């Protein structure tokens, strides 16, 4: 288990905005690569959410994509 996974599992009860952003930014390169390859945001979020790597609502994920990926291009 990675450090990020351990921290996430220990703090699931208090999972808040800050932790969601940390999880997103830790996976930003992979998310950006998937989007650049033509996958839809909903598909990327769905896989990450199902695996427990992005336990946030889609709207939160989409706002992070806009803020940290789309607005940087």
C-alpha atoms as a PDB file:
ATOM      1  CA  UNK A   1       0.000   0.000   0.000  1.00  0.00           C
ATOM      2  CA  UNK A   2       1.366   3.416  -0.931  1.00  0.00           C
ATOM      3  CA  UNK A   3       1.633   6.293   1.499  1.00  0.00           C
ATOM      4  CA  UNK A   4      -1.200   8.094  -0.253  1.00  0.00           C
ATOM      5  CA  UNK A   5      -3.440   5.015  -0.019  1.00  0.00           C
ATOM      6  CA  UNK A   6      -2.658   4.597   3.686  1.00  0.00           C
ATOM      7  CA  UNK A   7      -3.392   8.224   4.454  1.00  0.00           C
ATOM      8  CA  UNK A   8      -6.642   8.046   2.506  1.00  0.00           C
ATOM      9  CA  UNK A   9      -7.817   4.874   4.219  1.00  0.00           C
ATOM     10  CA  UNK A  10      -7.018   6.253   7.678  1.00  0.00           C
ATOM     11  CA  UNK A  11      -8.906   9.478   7.052  1.00  0.00           C
ATOM     12  CA  UNK A  12     -11.954   8.239   5.127  1.00  0.00           C
ATOM     13  CA  UNK A  13     -14.310   9.397   7.878  1.00  0.00           C
ATOM     14  CA  UNK A  14     -12.955  12.929   7.697  1.00  0.00           C
ATOM     15  CA  UNK A  15     -12.489  12.914   3.936  1.00  0.00           C
ATOM     16  CA  UNK A  16     -12.922  16.518   2.929  1.00  0.00           C
ATOM     17  CA  UNK A  17     -12.229  19.024   0.218  1.00  0.00           C
ATOM     18  CA  UNK A  18      -8.511  19.218   0.930  1.00  0.00           C
ATOM     19  CA  UNK A  19      -8.008  15.455   0.741  1.00  0.00           C
ATOM     20  CA  UNK A  20      -9.996  15.205  -2.483  1.00  0.00           C
ATOM     21  CA  UNK A  21      -7.752  17.811  -4.068  1.00  0.00           C
ATOM     22  CA  UNK A  22      -4.642  15.968  -2.858  1.00  0.00           C
ATOM     23  CA  UNK A  23      -5.899  12.719  -4.389  1.00  0.00           C
ATOM     24  CA  UNK A  24      -6.661  14.450  -7.664  1.00  0.00           C
ATOM     25  CA  UNK A  25      -3.302  16.184  -7.879  1.00  0.00           C
ATOM     26  CA  UNK A  26      -1.460  12.946  -7.051  1.00  0.00           C
ATOM     27  CA  UNK A  27      -3.092  11.350 -10.098  1.00  0.00           C
ATOM     28  CA  UNK A  28      -3.134  14.443 -12.312  1.00  0.00           C
ATOM     29  CA  UNK A  29      -0.588  13.181 -14.853  1.00  0.00           C
ATOM     30  CA  UNK A  30      -2.493   9.924 -15.387  1.00  0.00           C
ATOM     31  CA  UNK A  31      -5.831  11.714 -15.594  1.00  0.00           C
ATOM     32  CA  UNK A  32      -4.457  14.214 -18.093  1.00  0.00           C
ATOM     33  CA  UNK A  33      -2.930  11.433 -20.216  1.00  0.00           C
ATOM     34  CA  UNK A  34      -6.261   9.574 -20.318  1.00  0.00           C
ATOM     35  CA  UNK A  35      -8.125  12.730 -21.322  1.00  0.00           C
ATOM     36  CA  UNK A  36      -5.509  13.528 -23.989  1.00  0.00           C
ATOM     37  CA  UNK A  37      -5.968   9.989 -25.330  1.00  0.00           C
ATOM     38  CA  UNK A  38      -9.631  10.793 -25.918  1.00  0.00           C
ATOM     39  CA  UNK A  39     -11.357   9.238 -22.926  1.00  0.00           C
ATOM     40  CA  UNK A  40     -14.282  11.128 -21.444  1.00  0.00           C
ATOM     41  CA  UNK A  41     -14.089  12.692 -17.990  1.00  0.00           C
ATOM     42  CA  UNK A  42     -16.995  10.515 -16.884  1.00  0.00           C
ATOM     43  CA  UNK A  43     -15.115   7.377 -17.944  1.00  0.00           C
ATOM     44  CA  UNK A  44     -11.931   8.400 -16.134  1.00  0.00           C
ATOM     45  CA  UNK A  45     -13.821   9.361 -12.985  1.00  0.00           C
ATOM     46  CA  UNK A  46     -15.901   6.161 -13.123  1.00  0.00           C
ATOM     47  CA  UNK A  47     -12.829   3.917 -13.159  1.00  0.00           C
ATOM     48  CA  UNK A  48     -11.041   5.863 -10.416  1.00  0.00           C
ATOM     49  CA  UNK A  49     -14.185   6.063  -8.300  1.00  0.00           C
ATOM     50  CA  UNK A  50     -14.896   2.345  -8.639  1.00  0.00           C
ATOM     51  CA  UNK A  51     -11.326   1.546  -7.552  1.00  0.00           C
ATOM     52  CA  UNK A  52     -11.663   3.882  -4.555  1.00  0.00           C
ATOM     53  CA  UNK A  53      -8.946   6.195  -5.851  1.00  0.00           C
ATOM     54  CA  UNK A  54     -11.299   9.139  -6.387  1.00  0.00           C
ATOM     55  CA  UNK A  55     -14.053   8.891  -3.751  1.00  0.00           C
ATOM     56  CA  UNK A  56     -15.712  12.174  -4.699  1.00  0.00           C
ATOM     57  CA  UNK A  57     -18.784  13.096  -6.683  1.00  0.00           C
ATOM     58  CA  UNK A  58     -18.356  13.538 -10.410  1.00  0.00           C
ATOM     59  CA  UNK A  59     -19.047  17.281 -10.152  1.00  0.00           C
ATOM     60  CA  UNK A  60     -16.067  17.695  -7.820  1.00  0.00           C
ATOM     61  CA  UNK A  61     -13.838  15.681 -10.154  1.00  0.00           C
ATOM     62  CA  UNK A  62     -15.002  17.750 -13.158  1.00  0.00           C
ATOM     63  CA  UNK A  63     -14.253  21.013 -11.354  1.00  0.00           C
ATOM     64  CA  UNK A  64     -10.706  19.802 -10.611  1.00  0.00           C
ATOM     65  CA  UNK A  65     -10.224  18.851 -14.270  1.00  0.00           C
ATOM     66  CA  UNK A  66     -11.297  22.352 -15.312  1.00  0.00           C
ATOM     67  CA  UNK A  67      -9.135  24.060 -12.697  1.00  0.00           C
ATOM     68  CA  UNK A  68      -5.944  21.988 -12.824  1.00  0.00           C
ATOM     69  CA  UNK A  69      -5.862  20.589 -16.368  1.00  0.00           C
ATOM     70  CA  UNK A  70      -8.039  22.488 -18.839  1.00  0.00           C
ATOM     71  CA  UNK A  71      -7.239  25.984 -17.559  1.00  0.00           C
ATOM     72  CA  UNK A  72      -3.497  25.256 -17.676  1.00  0.00           C
ATOM     73  CA  UNK A  73      -3.478  24.552 -21.415  1.00  0.00           C
END
